[in-house]
Amino acid sequence: MANTCIALNIFNQLVGSYRGQIRLKNISEKKVLEYADELRRRGETVPNYLMKADGLDVILKLDVCKTCNGTGKTNES
């Protein structure tokens, strides 16, 4: 898939900005799912993300655990 490098960069950027969101212009949710599936098949790590359509755009946001606030640690650990 020619665009997997772009998809990998998008998901890597998403990991680095877990409090923000990324707006992808002129793309469908189906296409984003295809990119994520292709990356997983290639063995790449794809973060858990939330996705919503906004007109012709898709907004991606990292799915962050509310308890650990994205740190991976709870208050007890």
N, C-alpha and C. Protein backbone atom coordinates (compact mmCIF):
# COMPACT_ATOMS: atom_id res chain seq x y z
N MET A 1 0.86 -1.18 0.00
CA MET A 1 0.00 0.00 0.00
C MET A 1 0.90 1.23 0.00
N ALA A 2 0.68 2.09 -0.94
CA ALA A 2 1.57 3.24 -1.13
C ALA A 2 1.50 4.23 0.01
N ASN A 3 0.39 4.34 0.69
CA ASN A 3 0.23 5.38 1.71
C ASN A 3 0.47 4.90 3.13
N THR A 4 1.03 3.70 3.31
CA THR A 4 1.23 3.22 4.68
C THR A 4 2.27 4.04 5.43
N CYS A 5 3.25 4.60 4.74
CA CYS A 5 4.23 5.47 5.42
C CYS A 5 3.54 6.70 6.00
N ILE A 6 2.65 7.28 5.23
CA ILE A 6 1.90 8.43 5.72
C ILE A 6 1.03 8.03 6.90
N ALA A 7 0.37 6.88 6.79
CA ALA A 7 -0.49 6.40 7.89
C ALA A 7 0.34 6.16 9.15
N LEU A 8 1.51 5.57 9.00
CA LEU A 8 2.37 5.31 10.15
C LEU A 8 2.77 6.61 10.82
N ASN A 9 3.11 7.62 10.04
CA ASN A 9 3.46 8.93 10.60
C ASN A 9 2.29 9.55 11.35
N ILE A 10 1.09 9.40 10.81
CA ILE A 10 -0.11 9.94 11.47
C ILE A 10 -0.30 9.28 12.82
N PHE A 11 -0.23 7.95 12.87
CA PHE A 11 -0.46 7.26 14.13
C PHE A 11 0.68 7.50 15.12
N ASN A 12 1.91 7.64 14.63
CA ASN A 12 3.03 7.98 15.53
C ASN A 12 2.84 9.37 16.12
N GLN A 13 2.37 10.31 15.32
CA GLN A 13 2.12 11.66 15.81
C GLN A 13 1.00 11.65 16.84
N LEU A 14 0.01 10.81 16.62
CA LEU A 14 -1.12 10.70 17.54
C LEU A 14 -0.64 10.25 18.92
N VAL A 15 0.28 9.30 18.96
CA VAL A 15 0.81 8.83 20.23
C VAL A 15 1.50 9.95 20.97
N GLY A 16 2.23 10.81 20.26
CA GLY A 16 2.97 11.88 20.90
C GLY A 16 2.12 13.04 21.36
N SER A 17 0.84 13.06 20.99
CA SER A 17 0.00 14.18 21.37
C SER A 17 -1.34 13.68 21.91
N TYR A 18 -1.28 12.90 22.98
CA TYR A 18 -2.48 12.22 23.44
C TYR A 18 -3.55 13.17 23.95
N ARG A 19 -3.22 14.41 24.25
CA ARG A 19 -4.24 15.35 24.71
C ARG A 19 -4.90 16.09 23.55
N GLY A 20 -4.31 16.01 22.39
CA GLY A 20 -4.85 16.73 21.25
C GLY A 20 -5.60 15.82 20.30
N GLN A 21 -5.80 16.32 19.14
CA GLN A 21 -6.46 15.55 18.10
C GLN A 21 -5.86 15.93 16.76
N ILE A 22 -6.09 15.08 15.79
CA ILE A 22 -5.57 15.31 14.45
C ILE A 22 -6.74 15.32 13.49
N ARG A 23 -6.81 16.35 12.65
CA ARG A 23 -7.86 16.43 11.63
C ARG A 23 -7.23 16.01 10.31
N LEU A 24 -7.80 14.98 9.70
CA LEU A 24 -7.35 14.50 8.40
C LEU A 24 -8.34 15.00 7.35
N LYS A 25 -7.84 15.74 6.39
CA LYS A 25 -8.69 16.37 5.38
C LYS A 25 -9.03 15.41 4.24
N ASN A 26 -10.27 15.46 3.80
CA ASN A 26 -10.73 14.72 2.62
C ASN A 26 -10.40 13.23 2.65
N ILE A 27 -10.75 12.58 3.73
CA ILE A 27 -10.53 11.15 3.86
C ILE A 27 -11.75 10.55 4.56
N SER A 28 -12.03 9.31 4.30
CA SER A 28 -13.17 8.66 4.92
C SER A 28 -12.72 7.83 6.12
N GLU A 29 -13.66 7.55 7.02
CA GLU A 29 -13.36 6.69 8.16
C GLU A 29 -12.93 5.30 7.68
N LYS A 30 -13.55 4.84 6.61
CA LYS A 30 -13.21 3.53 6.05
C LYS A 30 -11.75 3.47 5.63
N LYS A 31 -11.25 4.54 5.03
CA LYS A 31 -9.85 4.58 4.58
C LYS A 31 -8.90 4.57 5.77
N VAL A 32 -9.24 5.30 6.83
CA VAL A 32 -8.41 5.30 8.03
C VAL A 32 -8.35 3.89 8.62
N LEU A 33 -9.48 3.20 8.66
CA LEU A 33 -9.51 1.82 9.16
C LEU A 33 -8.65 0.90 8.29
N GLU A 34 -8.69 1.10 6.98
CA GLU A 34 -7.85 0.31 6.08
C GLU A 34 -6.37 0.53 6.38
N TYR A 35 -5.97 1.78 6.58
CA TYR A 35 -4.57 2.07 6.91
C TYR A 35 -4.17 1.42 8.22
N ALA A 36 -5.02 1.53 9.24
CA ALA A 36 -4.70 0.93 10.54
C ALA A 36 -4.58 -0.58 10.42
N ASP A 37 -5.49 -1.21 9.68
CA ASP A 37 -5.43 -2.67 9.49
C ASP A 37 -4.16 -3.08 8.75
N GLU A 38 -3.79 -2.31 7.72
CA GLU A 38 -2.58 -2.62 6.96
C GLU A 38 -1.34 -2.52 7.85
N LEU A 39 -1.28 -1.49 8.69
CA LEU A 39 -0.14 -1.34 9.59
C LEU A 39 -0.06 -2.49 10.58
N ARG A 40 -1.21 -2.91 11.12
CA ARG A 40 -1.23 -4.05 12.05
C ARG A 40 -0.75 -5.32 11.36
N ARG A 41 -1.19 -5.54 10.12
CA ARG A 41 -0.74 -6.72 9.37
C ARG A 41 0.77 -6.71 9.17
N ARG A 42 1.34 -5.52 9.02
CA ARG A 42 2.79 -5.40 8.84
C ARG A 42 3.55 -5.49 10.15
N GLY A 43 2.83 -5.60 11.27
CA GLY A 43 3.48 -5.74 12.57
C GLY A 43 3.74 -4.44 13.28
N GLU A 44 3.24 -3.33 12.74
CA GLU A 44 3.42 -2.03 13.39
C GLU A 44 2.43 -1.87 14.54
N THR A 45 2.80 -1.10 15.54
CA THR A 45 1.90 -0.82 16.65
C THR A 45 1.01 0.37 16.29
N VAL A 46 -0.28 0.16 16.42
CA VAL A 46 -1.26 1.22 16.16
C VAL A 46 -1.95 1.50 17.49
N PRO A 47 -1.93 2.74 17.95
CA PRO A 47 -2.55 3.04 19.23
C PRO A 47 -4.07 2.91 19.17
N ASN A 48 -4.69 2.75 20.32
CA ASN A 48 -6.15 2.79 20.37
C ASN A 48 -6.56 4.23 20.14
N TYR A 49 -7.47 4.43 19.22
CA TYR A 49 -7.86 5.79 18.87
C TYR A 49 -9.37 5.90 18.72
N LEU A 50 -9.85 7.10 18.88
CA LEU A 50 -11.25 7.42 18.63
C LEU A 50 -11.30 8.16 17.31
N MET A 51 -12.35 7.95 16.56
CA MET A 51 -12.45 8.56 15.24
C MET A 51 -13.88 9.05 15.05
N LYS A 52 -14.00 10.24 14.47
CA LYS A 52 -15.33 10.73 14.11
C LYS A 52 -15.23 11.51 12.82
N ALA A 53 -16.31 11.42 12.04
CA ALA A 53 -16.37 12.15 10.78
C ALA A 53 -16.85 13.56 11.05
N ASP A 54 -16.29 14.50 10.31
CA ASP A 54 -16.70 15.90 10.40
C ASP A 54 -16.73 16.45 8.98
N GLY A 55 -17.87 16.30 8.32
CA GLY A 55 -17.95 16.69 6.91
C GLY A 55 -17.12 15.74 6.07
N LEU A 56 -16.20 16.27 5.28
CA LEU A 56 -15.32 15.44 4.46
C LEU A 56 -14.05 15.05 5.20
N ASP A 57 -13.91 15.50 6.44
CA ASP A 57 -12.72 15.23 7.24
C ASP A 57 -12.98 14.15 8.28
N VAL A 58 -11.90 13.61 8.81
CA VAL A 58 -11.97 12.67 9.92
C VAL A 58 -11.10 13.23 11.04
N ILE A 59 -11.61 13.18 12.26
CA ILE A 59 -10.85 13.65 13.42
C ILE A 59 -10.43 12.44 14.23
N LEU A 60 -9.12 12.31 14.45
CA LEU A 60 -8.57 11.23 15.25
C LEU A 60 -8.14 11.78 16.59
N LYS A 61 -8.40 11.01 17.63
CA LYS A 61 -7.99 11.38 18.98
C LYS A 61 -7.55 10.10 19.67
N LEU A 62 -6.46 10.15 20.39
CA LEU A 62 -5.98 8.97 21.10
C LEU A 62 -6.97 8.59 22.17
N ASP A 63 -7.29 7.30 22.28
CA ASP A 63 -8.21 6.81 23.29
C ASP A 63 -7.42 6.62 24.57
N VAL A 64 -7.51 7.59 25.47
CA VAL A 64 -6.72 7.60 26.69
C VAL A 64 -7.57 7.14 27.86
N CYS A 65 -7.00 6.25 28.64
CA CYS A 65 -7.66 5.80 29.87
C CYS A 65 -7.84 6.99 30.80
N LYS A 66 -9.06 7.21 31.26
CA LYS A 66 -9.34 8.36 32.12
C LYS A 66 -8.72 8.21 33.50
N THR A 67 -8.51 6.95 33.94
CA THR A 67 -7.94 6.72 35.27
C THR A 67 -6.46 7.09 35.31
N CYS A 68 -5.72 6.67 34.28
CA CYS A 68 -4.27 6.92 34.29
C CYS A 68 -3.90 8.17 33.51
N ASN A 69 -4.86 8.78 32.80
CA ASN A 69 -4.62 10.00 32.04
C ASN A 69 -3.51 9.84 31.02
N GLY A 70 -3.42 8.62 30.45
CA GLY A 70 -2.44 8.39 29.40
C GLY A 70 -1.06 7.99 29.88
N THR A 71 -0.83 7.91 31.19
CA THR A 71 0.50 7.57 31.69
C THR A 71 0.73 6.08 31.79
N GLY A 72 -0.34 5.30 31.84
CA GLY A 72 -0.21 3.85 32.01
C GLY A 72 -0.18 3.44 33.46
N LYS A 73 -0.21 4.39 34.37
CA LYS A 73 -0.16 4.10 35.81
C LYS A 73 -1.44 4.60 36.47
N THR A 74 -1.94 3.83 37.40
CA THR A 74 -3.08 4.29 38.18
C THR A 74 -2.57 4.94 39.46
N ASN A 75 -3.45 5.51 40.21
CA ASN A 75 -3.03 6.15 41.47
C ASN A 75 -2.46 5.15 42.45
N GLU A 76 -2.88 3.88 42.33
CA GLU A 76 -2.42 2.85 43.26
C GLU A 76 -1.07 2.30 42.90
N SER A 77 -0.60 2.48 41.68
CA SER A 77 0.68 1.86 41.28
C SER A 77 1.80 2.86 41.24
